[in-house]
PDB file of N, CA and C in Angstrom:
ATOM      1  N   MET A   1      85.978 125.889  85.124  1.00  0.00           N
ATOM      2  CA  MET A   1      85.183 125.906  86.067  1.00  0.00           C
ATOM      3  C   MET A   1      84.755 124.406  86.375  1.00  0.00           C
ATOM      4  N   THR A   2      84.513 123.999  87.824  1.00  0.00           N
ATOM      5  CA  THR A   2      84.479 122.477  88.005  1.00  0.00           C
ATOM      6  C   THR A   2      82.363 122.489  88.579  1.00  0.00           C
ATOM      7  N   SER A   3      81.749 121.903  87.565  1.00  0.00           N
ATOM      8  CA  SER A   3      80.672 121.903  88.233  1.00  0.00           C
ATOM      9  C   SER A   3      80.325 121.311  89.394  1.00  0.00           C
ATOM     10  N   VAL A   4      79.832 122.019  90.261  1.00  0.00           N
ATOM     11  CA  VAL A   4      79.084 121.438  91.822  1.00  0.00           C
ATOM     12  C   VAL A   4      77.559 121.791  91.750  1.00  0.00           C
ATOM     13  N   PRO A   5      77.159 120.743  91.137  1.00  0.00           N
ATOM     14  CA  PRO A   5      75.554 121.052  91.299  1.00  0.00           C
ATOM     15  C   PRO A   5      74.599 121.319  92.373  1.00  0.00           C
ATOM     16  N   PHE A   6      75.239 120.946  93.615  1.00  0.00           N
ATOM     17  CA  PHE A   6      74.865 121.312  94.715  1.00  0.00           C
ATOM     18  C   PHE A   6      75.370 122.459  95.733  1.00  0.00           C
ATOM     19  N   CYS A   7      76.136 122.987  95.169  1.00  0.00           N
ATOM     20  CA  CYS A   7      76.157 124.491  95.757  1.00  0.00           C
ATOM     21  C   CYS A   7      75.100 125.338  95.898  1.00  0.00           C
ATOM     22  N   THR A   8      75.124 125.938  96.878  1.00  0.00           N
ATOM     23  CA  THR A   8      74.008 127.102  96.982  1.00  0.00           C
ATOM     24  C   THR A   8      74.259 128.164  97.331  1.00  0.00           C
ATOM     25  N   ARG A   9      76.043 128.298  96.706  1.00  0.00           N
ATOM     26  CA  ARG A   9      76.306 129.836  97.187  1.00  0.00           C
ATOM     27  C   ARG A   9      75.985 130.586  95.821  1.00  0.00           C
ATOM     28  N   ASP A  10      75.153 131.607  96.024  1.00  0.00           N
ATOM     29  CA  ASP A  10      74.947 132.538  95.146  1.00  0.00           C
ATOM     30  C   ASP A  10      75.954 133.644  94.714  1.00  0.00           C
ATOM     31  N   ASP A  11      76.753 133.705  95.674  1.00  0.00           N
ATOM     32  CA  ASP A  11      77.418 134.797  95.190  1.00  0.00           C
ATOM     33  C   ASP A  11      79.085 134.880  94.529  1.00  0.00           C
ATOM     34  N   CYS A  12      79.003 134.845  93.245  1.00  0.00           N
ATOM     35  CA  CYS A  12      79.851 134.709  92.264  1.00  0.00           C
ATOM     36  C   CYS A  12      81.194 135.834  92.539  1.00  0.00           C
ATOM     37  N   ALA A  13      80.956 136.526  93.594  1.00  0.00           N
ATOM     38  CA  ALA A  13      82.320 137.841  93.792  1.00  0.00           C
ATOM     39  C   ALA A  13      82.966 137.112  94.587  1.00  0.00           C
ATOM     40  N   CYS A  14      82.719 135.765  95.257  1.00  0.00           N
ATOM     41  CA  CYS A  14      83.395 135.343  96.359  1.00  0.00           C
ATOM     42  C   CYS A  14      84.694 134.495  95.481  1.00  0.00           C
ATOM     43  N   PRO A  15      85.845 134.590  95.868  1.00  0.00           N
ATOM     44  CA  PRO A  15      87.094 133.907  95.143  1.00  0.00           C
ATOM     45  C   PRO A  15      86.804 132.476  95.109  1.00  0.00           C
ATOM     46  N   PHE A  16      86.013 132.083  96.299  1.00  0.00           N
ATOM     47  CA  PHE A  16      85.980 130.369  96.933  1.00  0.00           C
ATOM     48  C   PHE A  16      84.731 130.073  95.924  1.00  0.00           C
ATOM     49  N   ASN A  17      84.137 130.588  95.315  1.00  0.00           N
ATOM     50  CA  ASN A  17      82.762 130.120  95.045  1.00  0.00           C
ATOM     51  C   ASN A  17      83.304 129.153  93.631  1.00  0.00           C
ATOM     52  N   PRO A  18      82.817 127.974  93.486  1.00  0.00           N
ATOM     53  CA  PRO A  18      83.088 126.985  92.414  1.00  0.00           C
ATOM     54  C   PRO A  18      83.033 128.024  91.161  1.00  0.00           C
ATOM     55  N   CYS A  19      82.468 128.890  91.238  1.00  0.00           N
ATOM     56  CA  CYS A  19      82.221 129.524  89.752  1.00  0.00           C
ATOM     57  C   CYS A  19      83.384 129.895  89.164  1.00  0.00           C
ATOM     58  N   ASN A  20      84.203 130.284  90.149  1.00  0.00           N
ATOM     59  CA  ASN A  20      85.576 131.344  89.832  1.00  0.00           C
ATOM     60  C   ASN A  20      86.696 130.301  89.787  1.00  0.00           C
ATOM     61  N   HIS A  21      86.586 128.961  89.800  1.00  0.00           N
ATOM     62  CA  HIS A  21      87.919 128.046  89.300  1.00  0.00           C
ATOM     63  C   HIS A  21      87.734 126.556  89.086  1.00  0.00           C
ATOM     64  N   ASP A  22      88.612 125.482  88.739  1.00  0.00           N
ATOM     65  CA  ASP A  22      88.065 124.573  88.757  1.00  0.00           C
ATOM     66  C   ASP A  22      88.702 123.670  89.971  1.00  0.00           C
ATOM     67  N   GLN A  23      88.109 123.903  91.407  1.00  0.00           N
ATOM     68  CA  GLN A  23      88.980 123.312  92.339  1.00  0.00           C
ATOM     69  C   GLN A  23      87.281 122.880  93.070  1.00  0.00           C
ATOM     70  N   GLY A  24      86.227 122.885  92.626  1.00  0.00           N
ATOM     71  CA  GLY A  24      85.360 122.487  93.370  1.00  0.00           C
ATOM     72  C   GLY A  24      85.105 123.099  94.873  1.00  0.00           C
ATOM     73  N   CYS A  25      84.703 122.381  95.805  1.00  0.00           N
ATOM     74  CA  CYS A  25      84.691 122.964  97.044  1.00  0.00           C
ATOM     75  C   CYS A  25      85.770 123.168  98.044  1.00  0.00           C
ATOM     76  N   THR A  26      86.776 122.597  97.506  1.00  0.00           N
ATOM     77  CA  THR A  26      88.257 122.656  98.062  1.00  0.00           C
ATOM     78  C   THR A  26      88.593 124.313  98.670  1.00  0.00           C
ATOM     79  N   PRO A  27      88.118 125.254  97.887  1.00  0.00           N
ATOM     80  CA  PRO A  27      89.088 126.618  98.645  1.00  0.00           C
ATOM     81  C   PRO A  27      88.000 126.852  99.696  1.00  0.00           C
ATOM     82  N   CYS A  28      86.878 126.539  99.298  1.00  0.00           N
ATOM     83  CA  CYS A  28      85.778 126.701 100.274  1.00  0.00           C
ATOM     84  C   CYS A  28      86.141 126.427 101.601  1.00  0.00           C
ATOM     85  N   ILE A  29      86.028 125.268 101.595  1.00  0.00           N
ATOM     86  CA  ILE A  29      86.044 124.410 102.872  1.00  0.00           C
ATOM     87  C   ILE A  29      87.353 124.627 103.169  1.00  0.00           C
ATOM     88  N   ALA A  30      88.354 124.606 102.796  1.00  0.00           N
ATOM     89  CA  ALA A  30      89.585 125.088 103.482  1.00  0.00           C
ATOM     90  C   ALA A  30      90.176 126.428 103.957  1.00  0.00           C
ATOM     91  N   LYS A  31      89.082 127.592 103.494  1.00  0.00           N
ATOM     92  CA  LYS A  31      89.016 128.994 103.999  1.00  0.00           C
ATOM     93  C   LYS A  31      88.369 128.627 105.296  1.00  0.00           C
ATOM     94  N   ASN A  32      86.931 128.122 104.769  1.00  0.00           N
ATOM     95  CA  ASN A  32      85.954 127.877 106.304  1.00  0.00           C
ATOM     96  C   ASN A  32      86.455 127.445 107.167  1.00  0.00           C
ATOM     97  N   LEU A  33      87.343 126.016 107.312  1.00  0.00           N
ATOM     98  CA  LEU A  33      88.200 125.749 108.418  1.00  0.00           C
ATOM     99  C   LEU A  33      89.182 126.588 109.021  1.00  0.00           C
ATOM    100  N   ARG A  34      90.281 127.152 108.231  1.00  0.00           N
ATOM    101  CA  ARG A  34      90.984 128.076 108.633  1.00  0.00           C
ATOM    102  C   ARG A  34      90.810 129.272 109.510  1.00  0.00           C
ATOM    103  N   GLU A  35      88.952 129.659 109.365  1.00  0.00           N
ATOM    104  CA  GLU A  35      88.536 130.633 109.848  1.00  0.00           C
ATOM    105  C   GLU A  35      87.368 130.255 110.917  1.00  0.00           C
ATOM    106  N   HIS A  36      87.389 128.943 111.267  1.00  0.00           N
ATOM    107  CA  HIS A  36      86.328 128.316 112.222  1.00  0.00           C
ATOM    108  C   HIS A  36      85.475 128.908 111.933  1.00  0.00           C
ATOM    109  N   GLU A  37      84.712 128.687 110.982  1.00  0.00           N
ATOM    110  CA  GLU A  37      83.267 128.960 110.081  1.00  0.00           C
ATOM    111  C   GLU A  37      82.586 127.467 109.506  1.00  0.00           C
ATOM    112  N   ILE A  38      81.381 127.777 109.746  1.00  0.00           N
ATOM    113  CA  ILE A  38      80.920 126.707 108.637  1.00  0.00           C
ATOM    114  C   ILE A  38      80.343 127.287 107.577  1.00  0.00           C
ATOM    115  N   PRO A  39      80.764 126.354 106.443  1.00  0.00           N
ATOM    116  CA  PRO A  39      80.243 127.275 104.498  1.00  0.00           C
ATOM    117  C   PRO A  39      78.915 127.290 104.877  1.00  0.00           C
ATOM    118  N   THR A  40      78.446 128.728 103.941  1.00  0.00           N
ATOM    119  CA  THR A  40      76.867 128.982 103.732  1.00  0.00           C
ATOM    120  C   THR A  40      76.285 127.553 103.385  1.00  0.00           C
ATOM    121  N   CYS A  41      76.769 126.942 102.320  1.00  0.00           N
ATOM    122  CA  CYS A  41      75.827 125.839 101.965  1.00  0.00           C
ATOM    123  C   CYS A  41      75.089 124.832 103.180  1.00  0.00           C
ATOM    124  N   LEU A  42      76.043 124.544 104.217  1.00  0.00           N
ATOM    125  CA  LEU A  42      75.267 124.099 105.475  1.00  0.00           C
ATOM    126  C   LEU A  42      74.424 124.773 106.109  1.00  0.00           C
ATOM    127  N   PHE A  43      74.444 126.296 106.196  1.00  0.00           N
ATOM    128  CA  PHE A  43      73.194 127.021 106.905  1.00  0.00           C
ATOM    129  C   PHE A  43      72.084 127.034 106.019  1.00  0.00           C
ATOM    130  N   LYS A  44      72.341 127.100 104.716  1.00  0.00           N
ATOM    131  CA  LYS A  44      70.928 126.873 103.565  1.00  0.00           C
ATOM    132  C   LYS A  44      70.298 125.463 104.008  1.00  0.00           C
ATOM    133  N   ALA A  45      71.281 124.839 103.835  1.00  0.00           N
ATOM    134  CA  ALA A  45      70.680 122.978 104.299  1.00  0.00           C
ATOM    135  C   ALA A  45      69.785 122.829 105.401  1.00  0.00           C
ATOM    136  N   VAL A  46      69.548 124.023 106.543  1.00  0.00           N
ATOM    137  CA  VAL A  46      68.633 123.932 107.446  1.00  0.00           C
ATOM    138  C   VAL A  46      68.060 125.163 107.310  1.00  0.00           C
ATOM    139  N   SER A  47      68.214 126.136 106.796  1.00  0.00           N
ATOM    140  CA  SER A  47      67.071 127.455 106.485  1.00  0.00           C
ATOM    141  C   SER A  47      67.807 128.179 105.544  1.00  0.00           C
ATOM    142  N   PRO A  48      67.176 128.922 104.494  1.00  0.00           N
ATOM    143  CA  PRO A  48      67.715 129.848 103.999  1.00  0.00           C
ATOM    144  C   PRO A  48      67.737 131.485 104.794  1.00  0.00           C
ATOM    145  N   ASP A  49      66.896 131.512 105.879  1.00  0.00           N
ATOM    146  CA  ASP A  49      66.610 132.422 106.916  1.00  0.00           C
ATOM    147  C   ASP A  49      67.635 132.572 107.990  1.00  0.00           C
ATOM    148  N   LYS A  50      68.594 133.386 107.806  1.00  0.00           N
ATOM    149  CA  LYS A  50      69.068 133.604 109.127  1.00  0.00           C
ATOM    150  C   LYS A  50      68.912 134.419 109.897  1.00  0.00           C
ATOM    151  N   LEU A  51      69.090 134.268 111.422  1.00  0.00           N
ATOM    152  CA  LEU A  51      68.676 135.075 112.178  1.00  0.00           C
ATOM    153  C   LEU A  51      69.304 136.756 111.977  1.00  0.00           C
ATOM    154  N   PRO A  52      68.412 137.934 112.394  1.00  0.00           N
ATOM    155  CA  PRO A  52      69.180 138.884 112.037  1.00  0.00           C
ATOM    156  C   PRO A  52      70.322 139.240 112.782  1.00  0.00           C
ATOM    157  N   GLU A  53      70.696 138.822 114.178  1.00  0.00           N
ATOM    158  CA  GLU A  53      71.636 138.986 114.768  1.00  0.00           C
ATOM    159  C   GLU A  53      72.826 138.079 114.119  1.00  0.00           C
ATOM    160  N   ASP A  54      72.850 137.212 113.406  1.00  0.00           N
ATOM    161  CA  ASP A  54      74.066 136.257 112.755  1.00  0.00           C
ATOM    162  C   ASP A  54      74.017 136.741 111.310  1.00  0.00           C
ATOM    163  N   ALA A  55      73.493 137.795 111.042  1.00  0.00           N
ATOM    164  CA  ALA A  55      73.420 137.890 109.526  1.00  0.00           C
ATOM    165  C   ALA A  55      74.824 137.669 108.795  1.00  0.00           C
ATOM    166  N   ASP A  56      75.964 138.204 109.594  1.00  0.00           N
ATOM    167  CA  ASP A  56      77.118 138.194 108.729  1.00  0.00           C
ATOM    168  C   ASP A  56      78.042 137.013 109.363  1.00  0.00           C
ATOM    169  N   ASP A  57      77.563 136.583 110.368  1.00  0.00           N
ATOM    170  CA  ASP A  57      78.576 135.668 111.049  1.00  0.00           C
ATOM    171  C   ASP A  57      78.222 134.099 110.566  1.00  0.00           C
ATOM    172  N   TRP A  58      79.370 133.497 110.392  1.00  0.00           N
ATOM    173  CA  TRP A  58      79.113 132.145 110.086  1.00  0.00           C
ATOM    174  C   TRP A  58      80.305 131.105 111.077  1.00  0.00           C
ATOM    175  N   SER A  59      80.176 131.913 111.877  1.00  0.00           N
ATOM    176  CA  SER A  59      80.772 130.940 112.939  1.00  0.00           C
ATOM    177  C   SER A  59      80.079 129.544 113.546  1.00  0.00           C
ATOM    178  N   TRP A  60      80.565 128.833 114.420  1.00  0.00           N
ATOM    179  CA  TRP A  60      79.872 127.318 114.742  1.00  0.00           C
ATOM    180  C   TRP A  60      79.119 127.948 115.371  1.00  0.00           C
ATOM    181  N   LYS A  61      79.067 128.978 116.475  1.00  0.00           N
ATOM    182  CA  LYS A  61      78.001 129.341 117.435  1.00  0.00           C
ATOM    183  C   LYS A  61      76.702 129.874 116.985  1.00  0.00           C
ATOM    184  N   SER A  62      77.013 130.414 115.625  1.00  0.00           N
ATOM    185  CA  SER A  62      76.179 131.019 114.957  1.00  0.00           C
ATOM    186  C   SER A  62      75.363 129.689 114.249  1.00  0.00           C
ATOM    187  N   PHE A  63      76.045 128.731 113.572  1.00  0.00           N
ATOM    188  CA  PHE A  63      75.200 127.544 112.953  1.00  0.00           C
ATOM    189  C   PHE A  63      74.544 127.210 114.170  1.00  0.00           C
ATOM    190  N   ALA A  64      75.031 126.845 115.288  1.00  0.00           N
ATOM    191  CA  ALA A  64      74.476 126.314 116.500  1.00  0.00           C
ATOM    192  C   ALA A  64      72.855 126.816 116.771  1.00  0.00           C
ATOM    193  N   ARG A  65      73.040 128.293 116.846  1.00  0.00           N
ATOM    194  CA  ARG A  65      71.874 129.290 117.079  1.00  0.00           C
ATOM    195  C   ARG A  65      70.742 129.072 115.865  1.00  0.00           C
ATOM    196  N   HIS A  66      71.385 128.806 114.554  1.00  0.00           N
ATOM    197  CA  HIS A  66      70.571 128.674 113.317  1.00  0.00           C
ATOM    198  C   HIS A  66      69.997 127.380 113.310  1.00  0.00           C
ATOM    199  N   VAL A  67      70.412 126.556 113.616  1.00  0.00           N
ATOM    200  CA  VAL A  67      69.803 125.140 113.852  1.00  0.00           C
ATOM    201  C   VAL A  67      68.860 125.007 115.010  1.00  0.00           C
ATOM    202  N   LEU A  68      69.118 125.767 116.326  1.00  0.00           N
ATOM    203  CA  LEU A  68      68.138 125.826 117.190  1.00  0.00           C
ATOM    204  C   LEU A  68      66.793 126.529 116.730  1.00  0.00           C
ATOM    205  N   ALA A  69      67.261 127.401 116.056  1.00  0.00           N
ATOM    206  CA  ALA A  69      66.383 128.551 115.734  1.00  0.00           C
ATOM    207  C   ALA A  69      64.874 127.856 114.902  1.00  0.00           C
ATOM    208  N   HIS A  70      65.967 127.120 113.619  1.00  0.00           N
ATOM    209  CA  HIS A  70      64.900 126.312 112.663  1.00  0.00           C
ATOM    210  C   HIS A  70      64.447 124.664 112.969  1.00  0.00           C
ATOM    211  N   ARG A  71      65.265 124.161 113.797  1.00  0.00           N
ATOM    212  CA  ARG A  71      65.073 123.109 113.534  1.00  0.00           C
ATOM    213  C   ARG A  71      64.609 122.405 115.198  1.00  0.00           C
ATOM    214  N   GLY A  72      64.871 123.483 115.874  1.00  0.00           N
ATOM    215  CA  GLY A  72      64.527 122.893 117.365  1.00  0.00           C
ATOM    216  C   GLY A  72      65.287 122.220 118.140  1.00  0.00           C
TER     217      GLY A  72
END
């Protein structure tokens, strides 16, 4: 396991979580780029409170709504 002290992902069941391998954030970022998504850590950097309608949506549009809702 590679230490990634700034990682806010608390889902250790996720195979891309740095707690499950020694590749740091690379697998997570690669997966997000492939799926046109934004990593959880960036959502949490804005606010840990996602909009209810976006609870399971990690898309760029969802991130834009998240930023507008929490940062105006």
